[in-house]
């Protein structure tokens, strides 16, 4: 009886060992059965719905997205170069003769385009105070040239102002100091003096 118990224990241990080995063994390969081409199978395959491939995701660059949103390409030509071309055209249009390079019309035409260019620049860069100072000086210089042109040739002044669309007041429209304050009485002679100084001045 003892022999039989030991035999049973050995058999149980060997069975457990074999089960552990089978658990770690690779799975058995399935045998591929050759398909036979039959008309029924072919018709069933034709009637089966075809599965379309899913659309793939594509990565886009930031430049592609910006171009698609705007739809317009920026002009690479710098604004300063375009301004120089317009200045040359205006000077040629308003010069008095072919070799003219200093007449009031020639100078005013170039200054007007420079003023418009600087004005557009200051709209984009409002804190550029040095450019603002130059713009004010340029406007004042053009105003003095127009005043001179009005005094010399009134018709030429009218032509250049209407052609370039300049807002300018003629010198006669600006009242002088006498015209502006002449209707008011003059200040008193003894204003600011003490009574003693007035008495001494009258005694002399």
Protein backbone atom coordinates (compact mmCIF):
# COMPACT_ATOMS: atom_id res chain seq x y z
CA UNK A 1 0.00 0.00 0.00
CA UNK A 2 2.88 2.35 0.72
CA UNK A 3 4.34 1.51 -2.62
CA UNK A 4 1.15 2.41 -4.35
CA UNK A 5 0.94 5.79 -2.58
CA UNK A 6 4.51 6.69 -3.57
CA UNK A 7 3.80 5.62 -7.12
CA UNK A 8 0.73 7.81 -7.23
CA UNK A 9 2.69 10.81 -5.91
CA UNK A 10 5.37 10.33 -8.60
CA UNK A 11 2.74 10.07 -11.29
CA UNK A 12 0.97 13.23 -10.08
CA UNK A 13 4.25 15.15 -10.01
CA UNK A 14 5.14 14.00 -13.52
CA UNK A 15 1.68 15.00 -14.81
CA UNK A 16 1.97 18.46 -13.23
CA UNK A 17 5.44 18.88 -14.78
CA UNK A 18 4.16 17.93 -18.21
CA UNK A 19 1.31 20.42 -17.88
CA UNK A 20 3.74 23.20 -17.00
CA UNK A 21 5.90 22.37 -20.00
CA UNK A 22 2.88 22.46 -22.32
CA UNK A 23 1.88 25.85 -20.94
CA UNK A 24 5.19 27.38 -22.01
CA UNK A 25 5.33 25.58 -25.36
CA UNK A 26 4.66 27.68 -28.52
CA UNK A 27 1.19 27.31 -30.01
CA UNK A 28 0.79 24.74 -32.72
CA UNK A 29 0.71 26.10 -36.24
CA UNK A 30 -2.59 25.87 -38.02
CA UNK A 31 -2.59 23.95 -41.25
CA UNK A 32 -3.67 26.04 -44.23
CA UNK A 33 -6.22 24.28 -46.30
CA UNK A 34 -6.04 25.06 -49.98
CA UNK A 35 -9.13 26.81 -51.24
CA UNK A 36 -10.80 25.36 -54.16
CA UNK A 37 -12.09 27.76 -56.75
CA UNK A 38 -15.77 27.10 -57.17
CA UNK A 39 -18.40 29.27 -58.93
CA UNK A 40 -20.46 29.54 -55.77
CA UNK A 41 -17.52 30.78 -53.73
CA UNK A 42 -16.55 33.29 -56.41
CA UNK A 43 -20.08 34.73 -56.56
CA UNK A 44 -20.18 35.02 -52.80
CA UNK A 45 -16.88 36.88 -52.83
CA UNK A 46 -18.15 39.26 -55.52
CA UNK A 47 -21.35 40.03 -53.59
CA UNK A 48 -19.47 40.73 -50.37
CA UNK A 49 -19.18 44.48 -49.61
CA UNK A 50 -15.71 45.90 -50.10
CA UNK A 51 -14.16 47.72 -47.17
CA UNK A 52 -12.63 51.03 -48.28
CA UNK A 53 -9.38 52.18 -46.78
CA UNK A 54 -9.73 54.85 -44.16
CA UNK A 55 -8.30 58.26 -45.14
CA UNK A 56 -4.85 58.85 -43.78
CA UNK A 57 -3.98 61.85 -41.67
CA UNK A 58 -1.48 64.28 -43.20
CA UNK A 59 0.57 66.78 -41.23
CA UNK A 60 0.56 70.35 -42.55
CA UNK A 61 3.12 73.04 -41.92
CA UNK A 62 2.26 76.43 -40.44
CA UNK A 63 3.12 78.15 -43.72
CA UNK A 64 0.51 76.04 -45.56
CA UNK A 65 -2.19 77.01 -43.05
CA UNK A 66 -1.31 80.72 -43.23
CA UNK A 67 -1.43 80.66 -47.03
CA UNK A 68 -4.80 78.92 -47.02
CA UNK A 69 -6.32 81.41 -44.56
CA UNK A 70 -5.08 84.57 -46.23
CA UNK A 71 -5.34 83.45 -49.85
CA UNK A 72 -3.16 86.38 -50.89
CA UNK A 73 0.58 86.64 -51.14
CA UNK A 74 2.26 89.72 -49.72
CA UNK A 75 4.06 92.01 -52.12
CA UNK A 76 7.81 91.67 -51.44
CA UNK A 77 8.53 95.12 -52.93
CA UNK A 78 9.54 97.53 -50.11
CA UNK A 79 7.40 100.62 -49.61
CA UNK A 80 10.43 102.94 -49.59
CA UNK A 81 11.41 101.85 -53.10
CA UNK A 82 7.87 102.43 -54.38
CA UNK A 83 7.88 105.86 -52.74
CA UNK A 84 11.13 106.78 -54.50
CA UNK A 85 9.61 105.76 -57.85
CA UNK A 86 6.53 107.94 -57.24
CA UNK A 87 8.72 110.88 -56.19
CA UNK A 88 10.66 110.64 -59.47
CA UNK A 89 7.42 110.48 -61.48
CA UNK A 90 5.89 113.50 -59.73
CA UNK A 91 9.04 115.56 -60.13
CA UNK A 92 9.15 114.80 -63.85
CA UNK A 93 5.46 115.71 -64.18
CA UNK A 94 5.65 119.07 -62.39
CA UNK A 95 9.09 120.36 -63.38
CA UNK A 96 9.32 123.49 -65.48
CA UNK A 97 11.87 122.15 -67.99
CA UNK A 98 14.05 119.08 -68.53
CA UNK A 99 16.97 120.28 -66.41
CA UNK A 100 14.81 121.74 -63.63
CA UNK A 101 15.85 120.52 -60.17
CA UNK A 102 15.09 123.41 -57.81
CA UNK A 103 11.85 125.17 -58.71
CA UNK A 104 9.13 125.38 -56.04
CA UNK A 105 6.89 123.06 -58.06
CA UNK A 106 9.67 120.46 -58.32
CA UNK A 107 10.39 120.59 -54.58
CA UNK A 108 6.73 120.60 -53.50
CA UNK A 109 5.97 117.56 -55.68
CA UNK A 110 8.75 115.53 -54.05
CA UNK A 111 7.90 116.71 -50.54
CA UNK A 112 4.24 115.79 -50.94
CA UNK A 113 5.06 112.16 -51.73
CA UNK A 114 7.58 112.03 -48.87
CA UNK A 115 4.95 113.41 -46.49
CA UNK A 116 2.40 110.77 -47.52
CA UNK A 117 5.00 108.00 -47.12
CA UNK A 118 5.99 109.18 -43.63
CA UNK A 119 2.33 109.51 -42.65
CA UNK A 120 1.67 105.88 -43.57
CA UNK A 121 4.81 104.87 -41.66
CA UNK A 122 3.60 106.65 -38.52
CA UNK A 123 0.23 104.93 -38.72
CA UNK A 124 2.05 101.60 -38.32
CA UNK A 125 4.68 102.91 -35.86
CA UNK A 126 3.01 105.64 -33.75
CA UNK A 127 5.90 105.83 -31.25
CA UNK A 128 8.53 106.74 -33.84
CA UNK A 129 8.96 110.29 -32.51
CA UNK A 130 12.07 111.13 -34.54
CA UNK A 131 10.17 110.44 -37.77
CA UNK A 132 7.26 112.55 -36.47
CA UNK A 133 9.65 115.46 -35.86
CA UNK A 134 11.02 115.15 -39.40
CA UNK A 135 7.50 115.01 -40.81
CA UNK A 136 6.49 118.24 -39.05
CA UNK A 137 9.64 119.97 -40.34
CA UNK A 138 8.90 118.77 -43.88
CA UNK A 139 5.30 120.05 -43.74
CA UNK A 140 6.49 123.46 -42.53
CA UNK A 141 9.09 123.66 -45.31
CA UNK A 142 6.47 122.83 -47.94
CA UNK A 143 4.17 125.47 -46.49
CA UNK A 144 6.90 128.13 -46.81
CA UNK A 145 7.57 127.08 -50.42
CA UNK A 146 3.87 127.34 -51.25
CA UNK A 147 3.69 130.79 -49.67
CA UNK A 148 6.62 131.88 -51.83
CA UNK A 149 5.07 130.37 -54.95
CA UNK A 150 1.79 132.15 -54.25
CA UNK A 151 3.58 135.48 -54.00
CA UNK A 152 5.49 134.89 -57.26
CA UNK A 153 2.99 133.07 -59.51
CA UNK A 154 -0.55 132.64 -58.28
CA UNK A 155 -1.68 130.48 -61.20
CA UNK A 156 1.20 128.04 -60.72
CA UNK A 157 0.29 127.85 -57.02
CA UNK A 158 -3.34 126.99 -57.87
CA UNK A 159 -2.26 124.33 -60.39
CA UNK A 160 0.18 122.55 -58.07
CA UNK A 161 -2.20 122.58 -55.10
CA UNK A 162 -5.12 121.19 -57.14
CA UNK A 163 -2.95 118.56 -58.87
CA UNK A 164 -1.41 117.18 -55.67
CA UNK A 165 -4.47 117.66 -53.43
CA UNK A 166 -2.64 119.78 -50.84
CA UNK A 167 -4.58 121.51 -48.05
CA UNK A 168 -2.96 124.92 -47.74
CA UNK A 169 -4.17 128.33 -46.65
CA UNK A 170 -2.96 131.22 -48.72
CA UNK A 171 -0.93 133.83 -46.79
CA UNK A 172 -3.69 136.46 -47.11
CA UNK A 173 -6.19 134.19 -45.35
CA UNK A 174 -4.04 134.13 -42.19
CA UNK A 175 -4.71 137.34 -40.19
CA UNK A 176 -1.71 139.37 -39.07
CA UNK A 177 -1.12 140.43 -35.47
CA UNK A 178 -2.53 143.91 -36.11
CA UNK A 179 -5.65 142.53 -37.79
CA UNK A 180 -6.23 140.04 -35.01
CA UNK A 181 -5.61 142.26 -31.95
CA UNK A 182 -6.02 145.80 -33.38
CA UNK A 183 -9.61 146.15 -32.18
CA UNK A 184 -8.57 145.68 -28.55
CA UNK A 185 -7.31 148.69 -26.53
CA UNK A 186 -3.60 148.88 -25.82
CA UNK A 187 -2.22 148.13 -22.39
CA UNK A 188 -1.92 151.01 -19.96
CA UNK A 189 1.43 152.76 -19.84
CA UNK A 190 1.59 152.76 -16.03
CA UNK A 191 0.64 149.10 -15.67
CA UNK A 192 2.79 147.33 -13.08
CA UNK A 193 4.26 150.49 -11.51
CA UNK A 194 3.70 151.65 -7.96
CA UNK A 195 2.00 154.94 -7.13
CA UNK A 196 5.27 156.46 -5.80
CA UNK A 197 7.05 155.79 -9.09
CA UNK A 198 4.15 157.32 -11.01
CA UNK A 199 4.22 160.48 -8.83
CA UNK A 200 7.97 160.81 -9.25
CA UNK A 201 7.70 160.37 -13.00
CA UNK A 202 4.95 163.04 -13.21
CA UNK A 203 6.93 165.46 -10.98
CA UNK A 204 9.88 165.36 -13.34
